[in-house]
C-alpha atoms as a PDB file:
ATOM      1  CA  MET A   1     -17.647 111.476 124.397  1.00  0.00           C
ATOM      2  CA  ALA A   2     -20.688 113.208 122.940  1.00  0.00           C
ATOM      3  CA  SER A   3     -23.989 111.369 122.703  1.00  0.00           C
ATOM      4  CA  LYS A   4     -25.754 110.280 119.532  1.00  0.00           C
ATOM      5  CA  THR A   5     -28.310 113.037 120.213  1.00  0.00           C
ATOM      6  CA  GLN A   6     -25.522 115.653 120.312  1.00  0.00           C
ATOM      7  CA  HIS A   7     -24.100 114.297 117.053  1.00  0.00           C
ATOM      8  CA  LEU A   8     -27.522 114.457 115.352  1.00  0.00           C
ATOM      9  CA  GLY A   9     -28.091 117.970 116.709  1.00  0.00           C
ATOM     10  CA  ALA A  10     -24.750 119.150 115.368  1.00  0.00           C
ATOM     11  CA  LEU A  11     -25.389 117.576 111.956  1.00  0.00           C
ATOM     12  CA  ALA A  12     -28.832 119.209 111.802  1.00  0.00           C
ATOM     13  CA  GLN A  13     -27.179 122.632 112.271  1.00  0.00           C
ATOM     14  CA  VAL A  14     -24.909 122.136 109.251  1.00  0.00           C
ATOM     15  CA  ALA A  15     -26.321 124.091 106.302  1.00  0.00           C
ATOM     16  CA  LEU A  16     -25.400 121.312 103.876  1.00  0.00           C
ATOM     17  CA  PHE A  17     -27.622 118.870 105.815  1.00  0.00           C
ATOM     18  CA  SER A  18     -30.365 121.296 106.899  1.00  0.00           C
ATOM     19  CA  ALA A  19     -33.020 119.747 104.632  1.00  0.00           C
ATOM     20  CA  CYS A  20     -32.247 116.164 105.680  1.00  0.00           C
ATOM     21  CA  SER A  21     -34.688 114.150 107.750  1.00  0.00           C
ATOM     22  CA  LYS A  22     -33.761 112.702 111.138  1.00  0.00           C
ATOM     23  CA  LYS A  23     -33.467 109.274 109.485  1.00  0.00           C
ATOM     24  CA  GLU A  24     -31.078 110.631 106.856  1.00  0.00           C
ATOM     25  CA  LEU A  25     -29.016 112.442 109.479  1.00  0.00           C
ATOM     26  CA  SER A  26     -28.870 109.234 111.483  1.00  0.00           C
ATOM     27  CA  LYS A  27     -27.349 107.444 108.475  1.00  0.00           C
ATOM     28  CA  VAL A  28     -24.711 110.170 108.147  1.00  0.00           C
ATOM     29  CA  GLN A  29     -24.035 110.010 111.887  1.00  0.00           C
ATOM     30  CA  LYS A  30     -23.516 106.246 111.706  1.00  0.00           C
ATOM     31  CA  VAL A  31     -20.731 106.626 109.126  1.00  0.00           C
ATOM     32  CA  SER A  32     -19.032 109.377 111.163  1.00  0.00           C
ATOM     33  CA  ASP A  33     -16.394 109.073 113.866  1.00  0.00           C
ATOM     34  CA  GLU A  34     -15.855 111.259 116.917  1.00  0.00           C
ATOM     35  CA  ILE A  35     -12.316 112.455 117.590  1.00  0.00           C
ATOM     36  CA  THR A  36     -10.713 114.844 120.067  1.00  0.00           C
ATOM     37  CA  MET A  37      -7.890 117.208 119.069  1.00  0.00           C
ATOM     38  CA  THR A  38      -5.778 119.360 121.360  1.00  0.00           C
ATOM     39  CA  ALA A  39      -5.406 123.137 121.135  1.00  0.00           C
ATOM     40  CA  GLY A  40      -2.935 124.121 118.406  1.00  0.00           C
ATOM     41  CA  THR A  41      -3.599 121.053 116.250  1.00  0.00           C
ATOM     42  CA  MET A  42      -4.046 121.688 112.540  1.00  0.00           C
ATOM     43  CA  ILE A  43      -7.238 120.019 111.299  1.00  0.00           C
ATOM     44  CA  ILE A  44      -7.034 121.140 107.682  1.00  0.00           C
ATOM     45  CA  ASP A  45      -4.036 122.391 105.677  1.00  0.00           C
ATOM     46  CA  GLN A  46      -4.797 124.777 102.796  1.00  0.00           C
ATOM     47  CA  GLY A  47      -3.834 123.329  99.422  1.00  0.00           C
ATOM     48  CA  GLN A  48      -3.844 119.702 100.535  1.00  0.00           C
ATOM     49  CA  THR A  49      -6.364 117.258  99.100  1.00  0.00           C
ATOM     50  CA  GLY A  50      -9.286 116.708 101.440  1.00  0.00           C
ATOM     51  CA  ARG A  51     -11.203 113.488 101.939  1.00  0.00           C
ATOM     52  CA  GLU A  52     -13.309 114.344 104.972  1.00  0.00           C
ATOM     53  CA  ALA A  53     -15.328 117.056 106.674  1.00  0.00           C
ATOM     54  CA  PHE A  54     -15.330 117.954 110.357  1.00  0.00           C
ATOM     55  CA  VAL A  55     -18.374 119.002 112.377  1.00  0.00           C
ATOM     56  CA  ILE A  56     -17.421 120.835 115.556  1.00  0.00           C
ATOM     57  CA  ILE A  57     -19.186 119.281 118.542  1.00  0.00           C
ATOM     58  CA  ASP A  58     -17.270 121.228 121.195  1.00  0.00           C
ATOM     59  CA  GLY A  59     -14.449 123.779 121.137  1.00  0.00           C
ATOM     60  CA  THR A  60     -13.380 126.563 118.777  1.00  0.00           C
ATOM     61  CA  VAL A  61     -11.210 126.728 115.669  1.00  0.00           C
ATOM     62  CA  THR A  62      -9.625 129.482 113.589  1.00  0.00           C
ATOM     63  CA  VAL A  63      -9.960 129.442 109.813  1.00  0.00           C
ATOM     64  CA  LYS A  64      -7.145 131.085 107.827  1.00  0.00           C
ATOM     65  CA  ARG A  65      -6.784 131.595 104.105  1.00  0.00           C
ATOM     66  CA  ASN A  66      -3.317 132.496 102.818  1.00  0.00           C
ATOM     67  CA  ASN A  67      -2.218 132.946 106.473  1.00  0.00           C
ATOM     68  CA  ARG A  68      -4.903 135.605 107.110  1.00  0.00           C
ATOM     69  CA  LYS A  69      -7.635 134.941 109.639  1.00  0.00           C
ATOM     70  CA  VAL A  70     -11.020 134.551 107.972  1.00  0.00           C
ATOM     71  CA  THR A  71     -13.179 133.581 110.949  1.00  0.00           C
ATOM     72  CA  SER A  72     -13.518 131.629 114.175  1.00  0.00           C
ATOM     73  CA  LEU A  73     -15.983 128.748 114.375  1.00  0.00           C
ATOM     74  CA  GLY A  74     -17.499 126.701 117.179  1.00  0.00           C
ATOM     75  CA  ALA A  75     -20.034 124.035 118.073  1.00  0.00           C
ATOM     76  CA  GLY A  76     -22.434 123.239 115.236  1.00  0.00           C
ATOM     77  CA  ASP A  77     -20.149 124.595 112.515  1.00  0.00           C
ATOM     78  CA  VAL A  78     -18.526 122.491 109.809  1.00  0.00           C
ATOM     79  CA  VAL A  79     -15.188 122.739 107.998  1.00  0.00           C
ATOM     80  CA  GLY A  80     -14.040 120.856 104.929  1.00  0.00           C
ATOM     81  CA  GLU A  81     -17.528 120.055 103.649  1.00  0.00           C
ATOM     82  CA  MET A  82     -16.585 120.588 100.001  1.00  0.00           C
ATOM     83  CA  SER A  83     -14.322 117.559 100.339  1.00  0.00           C
ATOM     84  CA  LEU A  84     -17.390 115.370 100.760  1.00  0.00           C
ATOM     85  CA  LEU A  85     -18.303 116.154  97.176  1.00  0.00           C
ATOM     86  CA  ASP A  86     -14.994 116.505  95.315  1.00  0.00           C
ATOM     87  CA  ASN A  87     -11.274 115.803  95.604  1.00  0.00           C
ATOM     88  CA  GLY A  88     -10.164 119.411  95.193  1.00  0.00           C
ATOM     89  CA  PRO A  89      -7.559 121.150  97.322  1.00  0.00           C
ATOM     90  CA  ARG A  90      -8.492 122.569 100.710  1.00  0.00           C
ATOM     91  CA  THR A  91      -9.320 126.278 100.444  1.00  0.00           C
ATOM     92  CA  ALA A  92      -8.227 127.211 103.970  1.00  0.00           C
ATOM     93  CA  THR A  93      -6.197 126.106 106.974  1.00  0.00           C
ATOM     94  CA  VAL A  94      -8.103 125.280 110.163  1.00  0.00           C
ATOM     95  CA  VAL A  95      -6.428 125.096 113.591  1.00  0.00           C
ATOM     96  CA  CYS A  96      -7.945 124.222 116.978  1.00  0.00           C
ATOM     97  CA  ASP A  97      -7.977 127.197 119.376  1.00  0.00           C
ATOM     98  CA  THR A  98      -9.084 124.958 122.249  1.00  0.00           C
ATOM     99  CA  GLU A  99      -9.386 121.232 122.744  1.00  0.00           C
ATOM    100  CA  CYS A 100     -12.020 120.222 120.181  1.00  0.00           C
ATOM    101  CA  THR A 101     -14.417 117.346 119.882  1.00  0.00           C
ATOM    102  CA  LEU A 102     -15.113 116.758 116.198  1.00  0.00           C
ATOM    103  CA  LEU A 103     -17.346 114.498 114.176  1.00  0.00           C
ATOM    104  CA  VAL A 104     -15.352 113.295 111.161  1.00  0.00           C
ATOM    105  CA  ILE A 105     -17.321 112.458 108.029  1.00  0.00           C
ATOM    106  CA  ASP A 106     -15.257 110.431 105.556  1.00  0.00           C
ATOM    107  CA  GLN A 107     -15.986 111.109 101.868  1.00  0.00           C
ATOM    108  CA  ARG A 108     -16.092 107.455 100.796  1.00  0.00           C
ATOM    109  CA  ARG A 109     -18.457 106.430 103.583  1.00  0.00           C
ATOM    110  CA  PHE A 110     -20.597 109.541 103.050  1.00  0.00           C
ATOM    111  CA  LEU A 111     -20.980 108.866  99.320  1.00  0.00           C
ATOM    112  CA  ALA A 112     -22.094 105.314 100.150  1.00  0.00           C
ATOM    113  CA  VAL A 113     -24.945 106.839 102.207  1.00  0.00           C
ATOM    114  CA  VAL A 114     -25.837 109.139  99.302  1.00  0.00           C
ATOM    115  CA  GLU A 115     -25.995 106.118  96.983  1.00  0.00           C
ATOM    116  CA  GLU A 116     -28.151 104.241  99.503  1.00  0.00           C
ATOM    117  CA  ILE A 117     -30.530 107.212  99.944  1.00  0.00           C
ATOM    118  CA  PRO A 118     -30.542 109.148  96.641  1.00  0.00           C
ATOM    119  CA  ALA A 119     -32.951 111.774  98.026  1.00  0.00           C
ATOM    120  CA  ILE A 120     -30.032 113.154 100.047  1.00  0.00           C
ATOM    121  CA  SER A 121     -28.269 114.187  96.824  1.00  0.00           C
ATOM    122  CA  HIS A 122     -31.259 116.336  95.810  1.00  0.00           C
ATOM    123  CA  LYS A 123     -31.176 118.054  99.199  1.00  0.00           C
ATOM    124  CA  LEU A 124     -27.421 118.608  98.943  1.00  0.00           C
ATOM    125  CA  LEU A 125     -27.824 120.147  95.489  1.00  0.00           C
ATOM    126  CA  ALA A 126     -30.540 122.493  96.741  1.00  0.00           C
ATOM    127  CA  SER A 127     -28.343 123.532  99.672  1.00  0.00           C
ATOM    128  CA  LEU A 128     -25.370 124.185  97.394  1.00  0.00           C
ATOM    129  CA  ALA A 129     -27.526 126.182  94.959  1.00  0.00           C
ATOM    130  CA  SER A 130     -28.720 128.312  97.862  1.00  0.00           C
ATOM    131  CA  ARG A 131     -25.147 128.992  98.953  1.00  0.00           C
ATOM    132  CA  ILE A 132     -24.131 129.935  95.403  1.00  0.00           C
ATOM    133  CA  ARG A 133     -27.037 132.394  95.247  1.00  0.00           C
ATOM    134  CA  GLU A 134     -25.955 133.948  98.568  1.00  0.00           C
ATOM    135  CA  LEU A 135     -22.380 134.350  97.314  1.00  0.00           C
ATOM    136  CA  ASP A 136     -23.644 135.801  94.044  1.00  0.00           C
ATOM    137  CA  ARG A 137     -25.753 138.383  95.912  1.00  0.00           C
ATOM    138  CA  ALA A 138     -22.847 139.257  98.196  1.00  0.00           C
ATOM    139  CA  TYR A 139     -20.450 139.682  95.286  1.00  0.00           C
ATOM    140  CA  TYR A 140     -22.673 141.242  92.630  1.00  0.00           C
ATOM    141  CA  GLY A 141     -25.377 142.829  94.798  1.00  0.00           C
END
């Protein structure tokens, strides 16, 4: 089992939470649960409705979109983060390559933290705007 310090460190690496203070990250950590999944386990199934995000504490995963490998991710990366903000379908399938330790952030519990600390929503919006700008530059130049 990973320590609270490892959980906070992993959350701090997530782009969506990069502007959050240690106190804010601690609130998110408190509403998260650590789980372990074996190699070959599907974490996320493309097209299904998502209600949680997963921060990788240890291990590696493969991300596939329409059965084509998009990338491999490891410790400090996050998958499913859009599901914290909406109830849309998953945009990719994610499968554990190795045994993985994951921090699961449930949408309902996460939104309760956002309501408790409204400043987090401003930081999330800024992070999302930054990501949209990056995608815009990559697509349009």
